[in-house]
Amino acid sequence: MKKINFASDNYAGVHPEVMQAICAANKGPAVAYGGDDATEAAIQQFKHHLGNHAEAFFVFNGTGANVSALCAMTQSHEAVICAEKAHIQVDECGAPEKIAGCKLLLVPATHGKITVEGIQAQLQRMGDQHYVQARVISISQSTEYGTVYTLDELRELSAFAKTHGLYLHMDGARIANAAASLQTDLKTIIEVAGVDVLSFGGTKNGMMMGEAVIFLNPLLAKSFLYIRKQNMQLASKMRFISAQFQVLLSNDLWLNNAHHANAMAQHMAQGLRKINSIHITQPVDANAIFAIMPTTLIEKLHTRYHFHVWDERLSEVRLMTSFDTKKEEIDAFVRDAAQ
C-alpha cells in the first residue's frame, strides 16, 4: 500500500500549471544562463510583486539561495545571528560556515521566532578585533516550527536591525504560506520587515525545482552574478526554472497553493485536538503541525503515512501539508490516530 505523505511539502508533486509551463519552455533553443525571454518575464513578475527596485536571481535550491545570499551580505570575519533551530543552522550541513565563511550566532527562539532581546545578547565586543563581528540577522518566514512573524514583530526586528547597522535576511522557503496566513501581500511583508535580501521559495509551493534570491538592497547585489556562479548555482538552461516562477507568480497561483496547504493544516489540527493522547505543541499558523503523541501510536501510523519525528526525546512529530494535500487523506489520518 502506498503511504500518504505528511512528511514534507518537498514530497509533493509539481502543480499541473507549472508542469505545463516547463513543457511550453521546451520549444526550440533559447539563450543560456538567463538571457532568455522566460527569465526576463519572471524577473518582471518579481518586480510587480516587490517593486521595481527588486533584483531577482534564480538558483537551484534553498540551501544555495540562503548560502549565496549570505555570501553577498557578509565577509569572513562577520557573523549571522539566527534562531537556534534555523534552517541555516540545523539543516544545511554547515554550508553557511564552509561556503560563506561566516560564523552563526545562535539565539533561543520561542515557537521558532527570535526577539530583539535575544539578538541584543549576541551583539558583543563590537569593534573588538579579536571577536567575530555581527553583520546579519537571518529569520525564517514562516519559521521552522510553522509559525509566522506578525507584522508588528517584523517592524520591531527591522527597527532594531537598522538602529544597529545590521542587514536583515529572510529565509522565505515558505513565504507564500506566511503571506496567506497574514492575509497580506509579499510587498507588505518585505517593506514592513525592511528585508535586505530574501530567499524566495518555489519548490515547496508547487515547483519542480528552483528558488530565487531577491535583493531589496541593490548595493548588495553588485557582485551576485559572480557569487552565484562561484557557488555553482548558475543554471545554463535557466528558462526551465524561470518559466516556473513566471506562472507561479501569475494569477495568484503562489497564493492559492499556499492557502490550500494552510487550510489543510488547520483541518488536521482541528481533528487532532479532539484526541486526548495527542498534544499540539506549536501555534498552527502555516502548513505545519507539531504534536507530541505516544511512541506506539507513531509506530502504527508510520505503516500508512510518511511523517517525521522532530524530537525523539519528547516524542514530538512534524506533519506537513502541501498544495496537493487532500482532505480525505487528513480525515483518514485523524481517524486512524483516534482508533
C-alpha atoms as a PDB file:
ATOM      1  CA  MET A   1       0.000   0.000   0.000  1.00  0.00           C
ATOM      2  CA  LYS A   2       1.357   3.416  -0.972  1.00  0.00           C
ATOM      3  CA  LYS A   3       1.910   5.645   2.026  1.00  0.00           C
ATOM      4  CA  ILE A   4       0.196   9.023   2.267  1.00  0.00           C
ATOM      5  CA  ASN A   5       2.572  11.968   2.605  1.00  0.00           C
ATOM      6  CA  PHE A   6       2.616  14.270   5.608  1.00  0.00           C
ATOM      7  CA  ALA A   7       6.432  14.299   5.838  1.00  0.00           C
ATOM      8  CA  SER A   8       7.199  17.411   3.818  1.00  0.00           C
ATOM      9  CA  ASP A   9       5.865  19.761   1.181  1.00  0.00           C
ATOM     10  CA  ASN A  10       9.024  18.717  -0.689  1.00  0.00           C
ATOM     11  CA  TYR A  11       7.355  15.324  -1.193  1.00  0.00           C
ATOM     12  CA  ALA A  12       4.549  16.928  -3.191  1.00  0.00           C
ATOM     13  CA  GLY A  13       4.483  16.708  -6.951  1.00  0.00           C
ATOM     14  CA  VAL A  14       4.568  19.551  -9.450  1.00  0.00           C
ATOM     15  CA  HIS A  15       1.492  21.705  -9.919  1.00  0.00           C
ATOM     16  CA  PRO A  16      -0.073  20.959 -13.337  1.00  0.00           C
ATOM     17  CA  GLU A  17       0.178  24.596 -14.453  1.00  0.00           C
ATOM     18  CA  VAL A  18       3.852  24.642 -13.542  1.00  0.00           C
ATOM     19  CA  MET A  19       4.439  21.430 -15.464  1.00  0.00           C
ATOM     20  CA  GLN A  20       2.706  22.940 -18.473  1.00  0.00           C
ATOM     21  CA  ALA A  21       4.991  25.979 -18.219  1.00  0.00           C
ATOM     22  CA  ILE A  22       8.063  23.737 -18.260  1.00  0.00           C
ATOM     23  CA  CYS A  23       6.771  21.945 -21.352  1.00  0.00           C
ATOM     24  CA  ALA A  24       5.957  25.244 -23.059  1.00  0.00           C
ATOM     25  CA  ALA A  25       9.515  26.455 -22.413  1.00  0.00           C
ATOM     26  CA  ASN A  26      10.855  23.321 -24.112  1.00  0.00           C
ATOM     27  CA  LYS A  27      10.302  24.551 -27.654  1.00  0.00           C
ATOM     28  CA  GLY A  28      13.441  25.142 -29.644  1.00  0.00           C
ATOM     29  CA  PRO A  29      16.622  26.869 -28.493  1.00  0.00           C
ATOM     30  CA  ALA A  30      16.867  29.799 -26.094  1.00  0.00           C
ATOM     31  CA  VAL A  31      19.764  31.915 -24.885  1.00  0.00           C
ATOM     32  CA  ALA A  32      21.529  30.187 -21.992  1.00  0.00           C
ATOM     33  CA  TYR A  33      22.415  31.430 -18.494  1.00  0.00           C
ATOM     34  CA  GLY A  34      19.395  33.688 -18.088  1.00  0.00           C
ATOM     35  CA  GLY A  35      19.422  35.599 -21.344  1.00  0.00           C
ATOM     36  CA  ASP A  36      16.078  34.132 -22.396  1.00  0.00           C
ATOM     37  CA  ASP A  37      12.596  35.640 -22.548  1.00  0.00           C
ATOM     38  CA  ALA A  38      11.197  33.441 -19.749  1.00  0.00           C
ATOM     39  CA  THR A  39      13.822  34.682 -17.294  1.00  0.00           C
ATOM     40  CA  GLU A  40      13.130  38.308 -18.144  1.00  0.00           C
ATOM     41  CA  ALA A  41       9.388  37.720 -17.742  1.00  0.00           C
ATOM     42  CA  ALA A  42       9.906  36.068 -14.344  1.00  0.00           C
ATOM     43  CA  ILE A  43      12.125  38.942 -13.188  1.00  0.00           C
ATOM     44  CA  GLN A  44       9.359  41.366 -14.158  1.00  0.00           C
ATOM     45  CA  GLN A  45       6.878  39.323 -12.120  1.00  0.00           C
ATOM     46  CA  PHE A  46       9.049  39.757  -9.036  1.00  0.00           C
ATOM     47  CA  LYS A  47       9.265  43.496  -9.700  1.00  0.00           C
ATOM     48  CA  HIS A  48       5.469  43.569  -9.964  1.00  0.00           C
ATOM     49  CA  HIS A  49       5.118  41.922  -6.547  1.00  0.00           C
ATOM     50  CA  LEU A  50       8.030  43.555  -4.725  1.00  0.00           C
ATOM     51  CA  GLY A  51       8.749  46.840  -6.506  1.00  0.00           C
ATOM     52  CA  ASN A  52      10.895  47.956  -9.426  1.00  0.00           C
ATOM     53  CA  HIS A  53      13.990  48.149  -7.234  1.00  0.00           C
ATOM     54  CA  ALA A  54      13.866  44.387  -6.552  1.00  0.00           C
ATOM     55  CA  GLU A  55      16.625  42.441  -8.306  1.00  0.00           C
ATOM     56  CA  ALA A  56      15.908  38.725  -8.768  1.00  0.00           C
ATOM     57  CA  PHE A  57      18.387  35.923  -9.407  1.00  0.00           C
ATOM     58  CA  PHE A  58      17.378  32.286  -9.864  1.00  0.00           C
ATOM     59  CA  VAL A  59      19.179  29.345  -8.252  1.00  0.00           C
ATOM     60  CA  PHE A  60      18.686  25.596  -7.942  1.00  0.00           C
ATOM     61  CA  ASN A  61      17.709  25.036  -4.298  1.00  0.00           C
ATOM     62  CA  GLY A  62      17.025  26.520  -0.898  1.00  0.00           C
ATOM     63  CA  THR A  63      20.450  25.954   0.612  1.00  0.00           C
ATOM     64  CA  GLY A  64      22.002  27.511  -2.473  1.00  0.00           C
ATOM     65  CA  ALA A  65      19.714  30.514  -2.117  1.00  0.00           C
ATOM     66  CA  ASN A  66      20.451  31.033   1.580  1.00  0.00           C
ATOM     67  CA  VAL A  67      24.193  30.498   1.378  1.00  0.00           C
ATOM     68  CA  SER A  68      24.651  32.603  -1.750  1.00  0.00           C
ATOM     69  CA  ALA A  69      22.601  35.396  -0.178  1.00  0.00           C
ATOM     70  CA  LEU A  70      24.757  35.319   2.964  1.00  0.00           C
ATOM     71  CA  CYS A  71      27.898  35.374   0.803  1.00  0.00           C
ATOM     72  CA  ALA A  72      26.698  38.672  -0.634  1.00  0.00           C
ATOM     73  CA  MET A  73      25.913  40.091   2.809  1.00  0.00           C
ATOM     74  CA  THR A  74      28.969  39.150   4.865  1.00  0.00           C
ATOM     75  CA  GLN A  75      32.730  38.973   4.939  1.00  0.00           C
ATOM     76  CA  SER A  76      34.528  36.035   6.536  1.00  0.00           C
ATOM     77  CA  HIS A  77      35.182  37.891   9.803  1.00  0.00           C
ATOM     78  CA  GLU A  78      31.474  38.662  10.194  1.00  0.00           C
ATOM     79  CA  ALA A  79      28.603  36.695  11.701  1.00  0.00           C
ATOM     80  CA  VAL A  80      24.941  35.907  11.128  1.00  0.00           C
ATOM     81  CA  ILE A  81      22.530  35.963  14.059  1.00  0.00           C
ATOM     82  CA  CYS A  82      19.770  33.352  13.728  1.00  0.00           C
ATOM     83  CA  ALA A  83      17.431  31.090  15.683  1.00  0.00           C
ATOM     84  CA  GLU A  84      18.982  28.013  17.260  1.00  0.00           C
ATOM     85  CA  LYS A  85      16.703  25.834  15.079  1.00  0.00           C
ATOM     86  CA  ALA A  86      17.063  27.938  11.910  1.00  0.00           C
ATOM     87  CA  HIS A  87      17.369  26.016   8.678  1.00  0.00           C
ATOM     88  CA  ILE A  88      20.802  27.536   8.033  1.00  0.00           C
ATOM     89  CA  GLN A  89      21.932  26.122  11.401  1.00  0.00           C
ATOM     90  CA  VAL A  90      20.207  22.730  11.576  1.00  0.00           C
ATOM     91  CA  ASP A  91      19.539  21.567   8.022  1.00  0.00           C
ATOM     92  CA  GLU A  92      22.265  22.890   5.741  1.00  0.00           C
ATOM     93  CA  CYS A  93      25.154  20.683   6.862  1.00  0.00           C
ATOM     94  CA  GLY A  94      27.394  23.589   7.821  1.00  0.00           C
ATOM     95  CA  ALA A  95      27.184  25.143   4.343  1.00  0.00           C
ATOM     96  CA  PRO A  96      26.945  28.765   5.564  1.00  0.00           C
ATOM     97  CA  GLU A  97      30.151  28.376   7.580  1.00  0.00           C
ATOM     98  CA  LYS A  98      32.005  26.442   4.885  1.00  0.00           C
ATOM     99  CA  ILE A  99      30.888  28.349   1.784  1.00  0.00           C
ATOM    100  CA  ALA A 100      30.142  31.837   3.092  1.00  0.00           C
ATOM    101  CA  GLY A 101      32.896  31.540   5.696  1.00  0.00           C
ATOM    102  CA  CYS A 102      30.836  33.375   8.315  1.00  0.00           C
ATOM    103  CA  LYS A 103      30.012  32.311  11.850  1.00  0.00           C
ATOM    104  CA  LEU A 104      26.456  31.661  13.023  1.00  0.00           C
ATOM    105  CA  LEU A 105      25.499  33.189  16.373  1.00  0.00           C
ATOM    106  CA  LEU A 106      22.518  31.311  17.793  1.00  0.00           C
ATOM    107  CA  VAL A 107      19.566  32.828  19.620  1.00  0.00           C
ATOM    108  CA  PRO A 108      16.954  30.903  21.663  1.00  0.00           C
ATOM    109  CA  ALA A 109      13.576  31.030  19.956  1.00  0.00           C
ATOM    110  CA  THR A 110      10.052  30.655  21.264  1.00  0.00           C
ATOM    111  CA  HIS A 111       7.823  28.916  18.713  1.00  0.00           C
ATOM    112  CA  GLY A 112      10.648  29.376  16.205  1.00  0.00           C
ATOM    113  CA  LYS A 113      10.772  33.171  16.497  1.00  0.00           C
ATOM    114  CA  ILE A 114      13.700  35.245  17.707  1.00  0.00           C
ATOM    115  CA  THR A 115      13.301  38.514  19.570  1.00  0.00           C
ATOM    116  CA  VAL A 116      15.165  41.790  19.905  1.00  0.00           C
ATOM    117  CA  GLU A 117      16.240  40.765  23.409  1.00  0.00           C
ATOM    118  CA  GLY A 118      17.777  37.562  22.127  1.00  0.00           C
ATOM    119  CA  ILE A 119      19.575  39.327  19.293  1.00  0.00           C
ATOM    120  CA  GLN A 120      20.860  42.008  21.669  1.00  0.00           C
ATOM    121  CA  ALA A 121      22.609  39.335  23.730  1.00  0.00           C
ATOM    122  CA  GLN A 122      24.725  38.389  20.702  1.00  0.00           C
ATOM    123  CA  LEU A 123      25.866  41.944  19.959  1.00  0.00           C
ATOM    124  CA  GLN A 124      29.053  41.625  21.973  1.00  0.00           C
ATOM    125  CA  ARG A 125      32.516  43.165  21.633  1.00  0.00           C
ATOM    126  CA  MET A 126      31.594  45.212  18.583  1.00  0.00           C
ATOM    127  CA  GLY A 127      34.741  46.811  17.199  1.00  0.00           C
ATOM    128  CA  ASP A 128      36.971  44.292  19.030  1.00  0.00           C
ATOM    129  CA  GLN A 129      39.438  42.856  16.512  1.00  0.00           C
ATOM    130  CA  HIS A 130      39.600  39.589  18.469  1.00  0.00           C
ATOM    131  CA  TYR A 131      35.879  38.823  18.152  1.00  0.00           C
ATOM    132  CA  VAL A 132      33.670  37.988  15.193  1.00  0.00           C
ATOM    133  CA  GLN A 133      31.503  40.959  14.181  1.00  0.00           C
ATOM    134  CA  ALA A 134      27.737  40.569  13.794  1.00  0.00           C
ATOM    135  CA  ARG A 135      26.537  41.799  10.405  1.00  0.00           C
ATOM    136  CA  VAL A 136      23.275  39.990   9.508  1.00  0.00           C
ATOM    137  CA  ILE A 137      20.075  38.947  11.236  1.00  0.00           C
ATOM    138  CA  SER A 138      18.501  35.969   9.479  1.00  0.00           C
ATOM    139  CA  ILE A 139      14.892  34.986  10.136  1.00  0.00           C
ATOM    140  CA  SER A 140      12.620  32.376   8.556  1.00  0.00           C
ATOM    141  CA  GLN A 141       9.105  33.344   7.451  1.00  0.00           C
ATOM    142  CA  SER A 142       7.312  31.072   8.081  1.00  0.00           C
ATOM    143  CA  THR A 143       9.576  29.564  10.741  1.00  0.00           C
ATOM    144  CA  GLU A 144      10.888  26.026  11.090  1.00  0.00           C
ATOM    145  CA  TYR A 145       8.021  25.443  13.551  1.00  0.00           C
ATOM    146  CA  GLY A 146       5.368  26.535  11.080  1.00  0.00           C
ATOM    147  CA  THR A 147       4.743  29.776  12.924  1.00  0.00           C
ATOM    148  CA  VAL A 148       4.582  33.210  11.305  1.00  0.00           C
ATOM    149  CA  TYR A 149       6.082  36.503  12.446  1.00  0.00           C
ATOM    150  CA  THR A 150       3.331  39.103  12.766  1.00  0.00           C
ATOM    151  CA  LEU A 151       3.748  42.458  11.044  1.00  0.00           C
ATOM    152  CA  ASP A 152       4.355  44.098  14.427  1.00  0.00           C
ATOM    153  CA  GLU A 153       7.074  41.570  15.255  1.00  0.00           C
ATOM    154  CA  LEU A 154       8.698  42.244  11.882  1.00  0.00           C
ATOM    155  CA  ARG A 155       8.587  46.007  12.477  1.00  0.00           C
ATOM    156  CA  GLU A 156      10.375  45.592  15.790  1.00  0.00           C
ATOM    157  CA  LEU A 157      13.122  43.435  14.282  1.00  0.00           C
ATOM    158  CA  SER A 158      13.512  45.831  11.350  1.00  0.00           C
ATOM    159  CA  ALA A 159      13.872  48.879  13.576  1.00  0.00           C
ATOM    160  CA  PHE A 160      16.462  47.106  15.715  1.00  0.00           C
ATOM    161  CA  ALA A 161      18.469  45.990  12.676  1.00  0.00           C
ATOM    162  CA  LYS A 162      18.550  49.495  11.212  1.00  0.00           C
ATOM    163  CA  THR A 163      19.469  51.097  14.540  1.00  0.00           C
ATOM    164  CA  HIS A 164      22.451  48.777  14.899  1.00  0.00           C
ATOM    165  CA  GLY A 165      23.588  48.818  11.272  1.00  0.00           C
ATOM    166  CA  LEU A 166      22.694  45.176  10.634  1.00  0.00           C
ATOM    167  CA  TYR A 167      21.371  43.661   7.423  1.00  0.00           C
ATOM    168  CA  LEU A 168      18.201  41.553   7.510  1.00  0.00           C
ATOM    169  CA  HIS A 169      17.993  38.303   5.560  1.00  0.00           C
ATOM    170  CA  MET A 170      14.696  36.439   5.277  1.00  0.00           C
ATOM    171  CA  ASP A 171      14.653  32.722   4.538  1.00  0.00           C
ATOM    172  CA  GLY A 172      11.379  32.634   2.642  1.00  0.00           C
ATOM    173  CA  ALA A 173      11.283  28.980   1.674  1.00  0.00           C
ATOM    174  CA  ARG A 174       7.631  29.126   2.769  1.00  0.00           C
ATOM    175  CA  ILE A 175       6.980  32.854   2.481  1.00  0.00           C
ATOM    176  CA  ALA A 176       3.870  32.133   0.416  1.00  0.00           C
ATOM    177  CA  ASN A 177       2.385  30.289   3.386  1.00  0.00           C
ATOM    178  CA  ALA A 178       3.270  33.236   5.626  1.00  0.00           C
ATOM    179  CA  ALA A 179       1.577  35.712   3.285  1.00  0.00           C
ATOM    180  CA  ALA A 180      -1.519  33.527   3.154  1.00  0.00           C
ATOM    181  CA  SER A 181      -1.563  33.292   6.952  1.00  0.00           C
ATOM    182  CA  LEU A 182      -1.163  37.047   7.408  1.00  0.00           C
ATOM    183  CA  GLN A 183      -3.690  37.763   4.654  1.00  0.00           C
ATOM    184  CA  THR A 184      -1.363  40.276   3.079  1.00  0.00           C
ATOM    185  CA  ASP A 185       0.847  40.593   0.013  1.00  0.00           C
ATOM    186  CA  LEU A 186       4.549  39.953  -0.400  1.00  0.00           C
ATOM    187  CA  LYS A 187       5.450  43.611  -0.697  1.00  0.00           C
ATOM    188  CA  THR A 188       3.892  44.473   2.657  1.00  0.00           C
ATOM    189  CA  ILE A 189       5.819  41.729   4.455  1.00  0.00           C
ATOM    190  CA  ILE A 190       9.105  42.762   2.859  1.00  0.00           C
ATOM    191  CA  GLU A 191       8.678  46.501   3.407  1.00  0.00           C
ATOM    192  CA  VAL A 192       7.483  46.166   6.992  1.00  0.00           C
ATOM    193  CA  ALA A 193      10.433  43.905   7.781  1.00  0.00           C
ATOM    194  CA  GLY A 194      12.927  46.097   5.952  1.00  0.00           C
ATOM    195  CA  VAL A 195      14.353  42.998   4.299  1.00  0.00           C
ATOM    196  CA  ASP A 196      17.668  43.498   2.504  1.00  0.00           C
ATOM    197  CA  VAL A 197      17.819  40.079   0.859  1.00  0.00           C
ATOM    198  CA  LEU A 198      15.071  37.476   0.501  1.00  0.00           C
ATOM    199  CA  SER A 199      15.414  33.786  -0.287  1.00  0.00           C
ATOM    200  CA  PHE A 200      12.136  33.106  -2.103  1.00  0.00           C
ATOM    201  CA  GLY A 201      10.859  29.536  -2.141  1.00  0.00           C
ATOM    202  CA  GLY A 202       9.314  27.827  -5.126  1.00  0.00           C
ATOM    203  CA  THR A 203       9.962  24.112  -4.653  1.00  0.00           C
ATOM    204  CA  LYS A 204       7.761  23.779  -1.562  1.00  0.00           C
ATOM    205  CA  ASN A 205       4.895  25.586  -3.289  1.00  0.00           C
ATOM    206  CA  GLY A 206       4.320  23.632  -6.480  1.00  0.00           C
ATOM    207  CA  MET A 207       7.518  23.981  -8.499  1.00  0.00           C
ATOM    208  CA  MET A 208       9.697  21.109  -9.685  1.00  0.00           C
ATOM    209  CA  MET A 209      12.897  22.865  -8.646  1.00  0.00           C
ATOM    210  CA  GLY A 210      14.262  26.337  -8.226  1.00  0.00           C
ATOM    211  CA  GLU A 211      14.410  29.189  -5.719  1.00  0.00           C
ATOM    212  CA  ALA A 212      15.136  32.883  -6.105  1.00  0.00           C
ATOM    213  CA  VAL A 213      17.440  35.319  -4.326  1.00  0.00           C
ATOM    214  CA  ILE A 214      15.806  38.745  -4.273  1.00  0.00           C
ATOM    215  CA  PHE A 215      17.812  41.839  -3.407  1.00  0.00           C
ATOM    216  CA  LEU A 216      15.798  44.718  -1.991  1.00  0.00           C
ATOM    217  CA  ASN A 217      19.060  46.455  -1.147  1.00  0.00           C
ATOM    218  CA  PRO A 218      20.618  46.974  -4.607  1.00  0.00           C
ATOM    219  CA  LEU A 219      24.085  47.671  -3.187  1.00  0.00           C
ATOM    220  CA  LEU A 220      24.325  44.064  -2.015  1.00  0.00           C
ATOM    221  CA  ALA A 221      23.524  42.745  -5.497  1.00  0.00           C
ATOM    222  CA  LYS A 222      26.560  44.222  -7.232  1.00  0.00           C
ATOM    223  CA  SER A 223      28.690  41.069  -7.122  1.00  0.00           C
ATOM    224  CA  PHE A 224      25.948  38.466  -7.047  1.00  0.00           C
ATOM    225  CA  LEU A 225      26.360  37.355 -10.665  1.00  0.00           C
ATOM    226  CA  TYR A 226      29.833  36.150  -9.712  1.00  0.00           C
ATOM    227  CA  ILE A 227      28.833  34.797  -6.305  1.00  0.00           C
ATOM    228  CA  ARG A 228      26.062  32.712  -7.879  1.00  0.00           C
ATOM    229  CA  LYS A 229      28.456  31.251 -10.440  1.00  0.00           C
ATOM    230  CA  GLN A 230      31.169  30.555  -7.878  1.00  0.00           C
ATOM    231  CA  ASN A 231      28.641  28.819  -5.636  1.00  0.00           C
ATOM    232  CA  MET A 232      27.589  26.522  -8.518  1.00  0.00           C
ATOM    233  CA  GLN A 233      24.052  27.917  -8.590  1.00  0.00           C
ATOM    234  CA  LEU A 234      24.017  29.290 -12.161  1.00  0.00           C
ATOM    235  CA  ALA A 235      21.730  27.218 -14.379  1.00  0.00           C
ATOM    236  CA  SER A 236      22.709  27.062 -18.046  1.00  0.00           C
ATOM    237  CA  LYS A 237      19.141  26.244 -19.120  1.00  0.00           C
ATOM    238  CA  MET A 238      17.674  28.794 -16.749  1.00  0.00           C
ATOM    239  CA  ARG A 239      14.483  29.147 -18.757  1.00  0.00           C
ATOM    240  CA  PHE A 240      13.123  25.975 -17.139  1.00  0.00           C
ATOM    241  CA  ILE A 241      13.431  27.484 -13.658  1.00  0.00           C
ATOM    242  CA  SER A 242      12.243  30.913 -14.785  1.00  0.00           C
ATOM    243  CA  ALA A 243       9.182  29.596 -16.599  1.00  0.00           C
ATOM    244  CA  GLN A 244       8.022  28.010 -13.347  1.00  0.00           C
ATOM    245  CA  PHE A 245       8.312  31.280 -11.441  1.00  0.00           C
ATOM    246  CA  GLN A 246       6.575  33.121 -14.249  1.00  0.00           C
ATOM    247  CA  VAL A 247       3.433  31.006 -13.949  1.00  0.00           C
ATOM    248  CA  LEU A 248       3.653  30.616 -10.151  1.00  0.00           C
ATOM    249  CA  LEU A 249       3.596  34.396  -9.665  1.00  0.00           C
ATOM    250  CA  SER A 250       0.801  34.926 -12.190  1.00  0.00           C
ATOM    251  CA  ASN A 251      -2.912  34.848 -11.371  1.00  0.00           C
ATOM    252  CA  ASP A 252      -2.211  34.265  -7.654  1.00  0.00           C
ATOM    253  CA  LEU A 253      -1.191  30.620  -8.169  1.00  0.00           C
ATOM    254  CA  TRP A 254       1.518  31.004  -5.494  1.00  0.00           C
ATOM    255  CA  LEU A 255      -1.058  32.331  -3.025  1.00  0.00           C
ATOM    256  CA  ASN A 256      -3.798  29.840  -3.872  1.00  0.00           C
ATOM    257  CA  ASN A 257      -1.377  26.935  -3.391  1.00  0.00           C
ATOM    258  CA  ALA A 258      -0.350  28.325  -0.003  1.00  0.00           C
ATOM    259  CA  HIS A 259      -3.933  28.973   1.095  1.00  0.00           C
ATOM    260  CA  HIS A 260      -4.816  25.360   0.370  1.00  0.00           C
ATOM    261  CA  ALA A 261      -1.812  23.982   2.250  1.00  0.00           C
ATOM    262  CA  ASN A 262      -2.572  26.203   5.249  1.00  0.00           C
ATOM    263  CA  ALA A 263      -6.247  25.257   5.237  1.00  0.00           C
ATOM    264  CA  MET A 264      -5.352  21.566   5.227  1.00  0.00           C
ATOM    265  CA  ALA A 265      -3.067  22.095   8.223  1.00  0.00           C
ATOM    266  CA  GLN A 266      -5.888  23.799  10.107  1.00  0.00           C
ATOM    267  CA  HIS A 267      -8.211  20.934   9.241  1.00  0.00           C
ATOM    268  CA  MET A 268      -5.715  18.396  10.540  1.00  0.00           C
ATOM    269  CA  ALA A 269      -5.074  20.354  13.733  1.00  0.00           C
ATOM    270  CA  GLN A 270      -8.792  20.592  14.398  1.00  0.00           C
ATOM    271  CA  GLY A 271      -9.104  16.823  14.179  1.00  0.00           C
ATOM    272  CA  LEU A 272      -6.009  16.007  16.245  1.00  0.00           C
ATOM    273  CA  ARG A 273      -7.056  18.325  19.072  1.00  0.00           C
ATOM    274  CA  LYS A 274     -10.013  16.007  19.718  1.00  0.00           C
ATOM    275  CA  ILE A 275      -7.688  13.088  20.534  1.00  0.00           C
ATOM    276  CA  ASN A 276      -6.674  13.081  24.210  1.00  0.00           C
ATOM    277  CA  SER A 277      -3.343  11.314  23.705  1.00  0.00           C
ATOM    278  CA  ILE A 278      -2.116  13.926  21.203  1.00  0.00           C
ATOM    279  CA  HIS A 279      -0.862  17.372  22.222  1.00  0.00           C
ATOM    280  CA  ILE A 280      -0.177  20.062  19.603  1.00  0.00           C
ATOM    281  CA  THR A 281       2.896  21.980  20.753  1.00  0.00           C
ATOM    282  CA  GLN A 282       3.099  24.984  18.389  1.00  0.00           C
ATOM    283  CA  PRO A 283       0.607  27.509  17.012  1.00  0.00           C
ATOM    284  CA  VAL A 284      -0.582  26.304  13.593  1.00  0.00           C
ATOM    285  CA  ASP A 285      -0.039  29.442  11.526  1.00  0.00           C
ATOM    286  CA  ALA A 286       1.036  27.986   8.181  1.00  0.00           C
ATOM    287  CA  ASN A 287       1.243  24.433   6.828  1.00  0.00           C
ATOM    288  CA  ALA A 288       2.949  22.559   9.664  1.00  0.00           C
ATOM    289  CA  ILE A 289       1.625  20.792  12.757  1.00  0.00           C
ATOM    290  CA  PHE A 290       3.922  19.791  15.610  1.00  0.00           C
ATOM    291  CA  ALA A 291       2.471  17.315  18.070  1.00  0.00           C
ATOM    292  CA  ILE A 292       3.506  15.012  20.877  1.00  0.00           C
ATOM    293  CA  MET A 293       1.986  11.563  20.644  1.00  0.00           C
ATOM    294  CA  PRO A 294       2.679   8.134  22.156  1.00  0.00           C
ATOM    295  CA  THR A 295       5.574   6.211  20.601  1.00  0.00           C
ATOM    296  CA  THR A 296       3.373   3.210  19.924  1.00  0.00           C
ATOM    297  CA  LEU A 297       0.948   5.406  18.010  1.00  0.00           C
ATOM    298  CA  ILE A 298       3.774   6.864  15.937  1.00  0.00           C
ATOM    299  CA  GLU A 299       4.960   3.370  15.037  1.00  0.00           C
ATOM    300  CA  LYS A 300       1.498   2.291  13.935  1.00  0.00           C
ATOM    301  CA  LEU A 301       0.819   5.425  11.912  1.00  0.00           C
ATOM    302  CA  HIS A 302       4.195   5.083  10.178  1.00  0.00           C
ATOM    303  CA  THR A 303       2.929   1.921   8.489  1.00  0.00           C
ATOM    304  CA  ARG A 304       0.457   4.011   6.477  1.00  0.00           C
ATOM    305  CA  TYR A 305       1.793   7.570   6.484  1.00  0.00           C
ATOM    306  CA  HIS A 306       5.052   9.414   5.839  1.00  0.00           C
ATOM    307  CA  PHE A 307       5.900  11.925   8.584  1.00  0.00           C
ATOM    308  CA  HIS A 308       8.986  12.843  10.591  1.00  0.00           C
ATOM    309  CA  VAL A 309       9.762  12.524  14.270  1.00  0.00           C
ATOM    310  CA  TRP A 310      11.036  16.003  15.070  1.00  0.00           C
ATOM    311  CA  ASP A 311      12.248  15.393  18.626  1.00  0.00           C
ATOM    312  CA  GLU A 312      12.689  11.789  19.730  1.00  0.00           C
ATOM    313  CA  ARG A 313      13.178  12.793  23.375  1.00  0.00           C
ATOM    314  CA  LEU A 314       9.722  14.365  23.518  1.00  0.00           C
ATOM    315  CA  SER A 315       8.075  12.000  21.030  1.00  0.00           C
ATOM    316  CA  GLU A 316       7.222  15.103  19.016  1.00  0.00           C
ATOM    317  CA  VAL A 317       6.351  14.726  15.343  1.00  0.00           C
ATOM    318  CA  ARG A 318       6.079  17.158  12.444  1.00  0.00           C
ATOM    319  CA  LEU A 319       3.182  16.853   9.998  1.00  0.00           C
ATOM    320  CA  MET A 320       3.299  18.921   6.801  1.00  0.00           C
ATOM    321  CA  THR A 321       0.587  19.707   4.275  1.00  0.00           C
ATOM    322  CA  SER A 322       1.047  20.980   0.736  1.00  0.00           C
ATOM    323  CA  PHE A 323      -0.801  22.356  -2.276  1.00  0.00           C
ATOM    324  CA  ASP A 324      -1.898  18.844  -3.271  1.00  0.00           C
ATOM    325  CA  THR A 325      -2.914  17.500   0.153  1.00  0.00           C
ATOM    326  CA  LYS A 326      -6.447  16.073   0.067  1.00  0.00           C
ATOM    327  CA  LYS A 327      -8.998  16.495   2.831  1.00  0.00           C
ATOM    328  CA  GLU A 328      -9.796  12.766   2.658  1.00  0.00           C
ATOM    329  CA  GLU A 329      -6.154  11.942   3.425  1.00  0.00           C
ATOM    330  CA  ILE A 330      -6.265  14.058   6.561  1.00  0.00           C
ATOM    331  CA  ASP A 331      -9.577  12.561   7.649  1.00  0.00           C
ATOM    332  CA  ALA A 332      -8.071   9.076   7.251  1.00  0.00           C
ATOM    333  CA  PHE A 333      -5.023  10.030   9.330  1.00  0.00           C
ATOM    334  CA  VAL A 334      -7.127  11.515  12.132  1.00  0.00           C
ATOM    335  CA  ARG A 335      -9.467   8.525  12.084  1.00  0.00           C
ATOM    336  CA  ASP A 336      -6.572   6.048  12.263  1.00  0.00           C
ATOM    337  CA  ALA A 337      -4.936   8.040  15.067  1.00  0.00           C
ATOM    338  CA  ALA A 338      -8.152   8.050  17.062  1.00  0.00           C
ATOM    339  CA  GLN A 339      -8.708   4.336  16.580  1.00  0.00           C
END
